[in-house]
Amino acid sequence: MLYKYPYQSELGTITILANDHGLLGAWFDNQTNYGGTFDLSKVAQISNKQESTMITKAFDWLDNYFQGNQLGKVDFPLMPQGTAFQQDVWTEIQKIPYGQTVSLQELDDRVAARQTKGKGSLHAVAGAVIGNPIAIIIPSHRIRRSELEELTEENRITKSIMKIEQK
């Protein structure tokens, strides 16, 4: 069963999507990849976040994050839907420490080190960063955006998120 619930953050509404096994998505309204591979209009919103353990855990994590607490490893399952290559990119993004950033090229190099069949292109890595279905929790905002200037709304949100981490 899928569970959907809105989280009200200081940066706007984040729609959280989970099932009984893990967190599937967390998207800001108007995010380029809103909903990812899911048609969120067909997922009924639950009336209370406590109806889903995963939604509750994501809420607690986001509450702590927006209070400025440095959080370690996520203690609930993340289940972003994507290709094996995208999964590799998202795994590497999760290794970037709180408050730090890396360039898109550095991320590309880290992902290439994981690959057994050659490396993807910088463009493919950028696509995975943009397509990250779990905003903030998989911290794609920690990728410096100089190479991704066309992302106007995402850039505004990214800058705001990094201000939280710089406090």
Foldseek 3Di string as FASTA:
>chain_A
DKEWEWDQAPLAIWIWIDDQAETAFTHHPPQPCVQPVHPVVPHDHDPDQVVHPRSVLVNVVVVCLRVLHQDDQRPGDYDYDDDPLLVLLLVLLQPAGQLAAEELVVSQVSSQVVDPPGGDDSVVSVVSLSSPRYDPNSDSLRYDCPVPVVRVSVVVVSVVSSVSSVD
